[in-house]
Amino acid sequence: MQYEPTIEELRHKYEVAMKEKMLVRLEKERLQARTEALEAQVLPPPPPYIRPFPSLTLCTKKEDLCVSS
């Protein structure tokens, strides 16, 4: 058939494009990991989590709630 060489050429171009895409993705992931590692060395750690509300405990009466410190 006359379409066979064209089909093979297109298949080859597709395979090359997919390999390049995979390599770009791998390099992107590698650079992201490297960036995160460098940022961890340079940036200060985030502040500790502080609870926005004090903890609540029940009082002796059923209806009341007491704030414990």
Protein backbone atom coordinates (compact mmCIF):
# COMPACT_ATOMS: atom_id res chain seq x y z
CA MET A 1 0.00 0.00 0.00
CA GLN A 2 1.11 3.55 -0.53
CA TYR A 3 0.06 4.70 2.97
CA GLU A 4 2.52 2.43 4.78
CA PRO A 5 5.58 4.77 4.64
CA THR A 6 3.48 7.71 5.86
CA ILE A 7 2.01 5.67 8.69
CA GLU A 8 5.50 4.53 9.76
CA GLU A 9 6.82 8.09 9.65
CA LEU A 10 3.91 9.36 11.75
CA ARG A 11 4.33 6.49 14.22
CA HIS A 12 8.03 7.35 14.57
CA LYS A 13 7.26 11.06 15.12
CA TYR A 14 4.68 10.12 17.75
CA GLU A 15 7.12 7.86 19.61
CA VAL A 16 9.82 10.54 19.56
CA ALA A 17 7.35 13.13 20.86
CA MET A 18 6.21 10.82 23.69
CA LYS A 19 9.82 10.10 24.71
CA GLU A 20 10.61 13.81 24.78
CA LYS A 21 7.49 14.49 26.81
CA MET A 22 8.47 11.81 29.32
CA LEU A 23 12.00 13.21 29.61
CA VAL A 24 10.68 16.73 30.16
CA ARG A 25 8.33 15.44 32.86
CA LEU A 26 11.15 13.57 34.60
CA GLU A 27 13.38 16.63 34.52
CA LYS A 28 10.55 18.79 35.88
CA GLU A 29 10.01 16.39 38.80
CA ARG A 30 13.74 16.27 39.48
CA LEU A 31 13.99 20.07 39.51
CA GLN A 32 10.93 20.37 41.75
CA ALA A 33 12.47 17.98 44.26
CA ARG A 34 15.76 19.88 44.13
CA THR A 35 13.96 23.20 44.61
CA GLU A 36 12.04 21.87 47.60
CA ALA A 37 15.25 20.56 49.16
CA LEU A 38 17.01 23.90 48.68
CA GLU A 39 14.04 25.84 50.04
CA ALA A 40 14.00 23.60 53.11
CA GLN A 41 17.63 24.56 53.74
CA VAL A 42 17.09 28.30 53.21
CA LEU A 43 13.58 29.09 54.45
CA PRO A 44 12.77 29.08 58.17
CA PRO A 45 10.35 26.42 59.36
CA PRO A 46 6.70 27.46 59.57
CA PRO A 47 5.48 28.65 62.98
CA PRO A 48 3.95 26.01 65.24
CA TYR A 49 0.22 25.53 65.04
CA ILE A 50 -1.64 27.51 67.68
CA ARG A 51 -5.17 26.50 68.54
CA PRO A 52 -7.53 29.39 67.82
CA PHE A 53 -9.86 28.50 70.72
CA PRO A 54 -9.12 27.39 74.26
CA SER A 55 -10.07 23.84 75.09
CA LEU A 56 -13.47 23.37 76.63
CA THR A 57 -14.34 21.09 79.51
CA LEU A 58 -17.69 20.34 81.10
CA CYS A 59 -18.53 21.89 84.45
CA THR A 60 -20.42 20.14 87.16
CA LYS A 61 -23.75 21.53 85.91
CA LYS A 62 -25.10 20.00 82.72
CA GLU A 63 -25.93 23.32 81.04
CA ASP A 64 -22.63 25.13 81.65
CA LEU A 65 -19.37 24.86 79.78
CA CYS A 66 -16.19 25.95 81.47
CA VAL A 67 -13.03 27.13 79.76
CA SER A 68 -9.92 25.45 81.02
CA SER A 69 -6.55 27.04 80.49
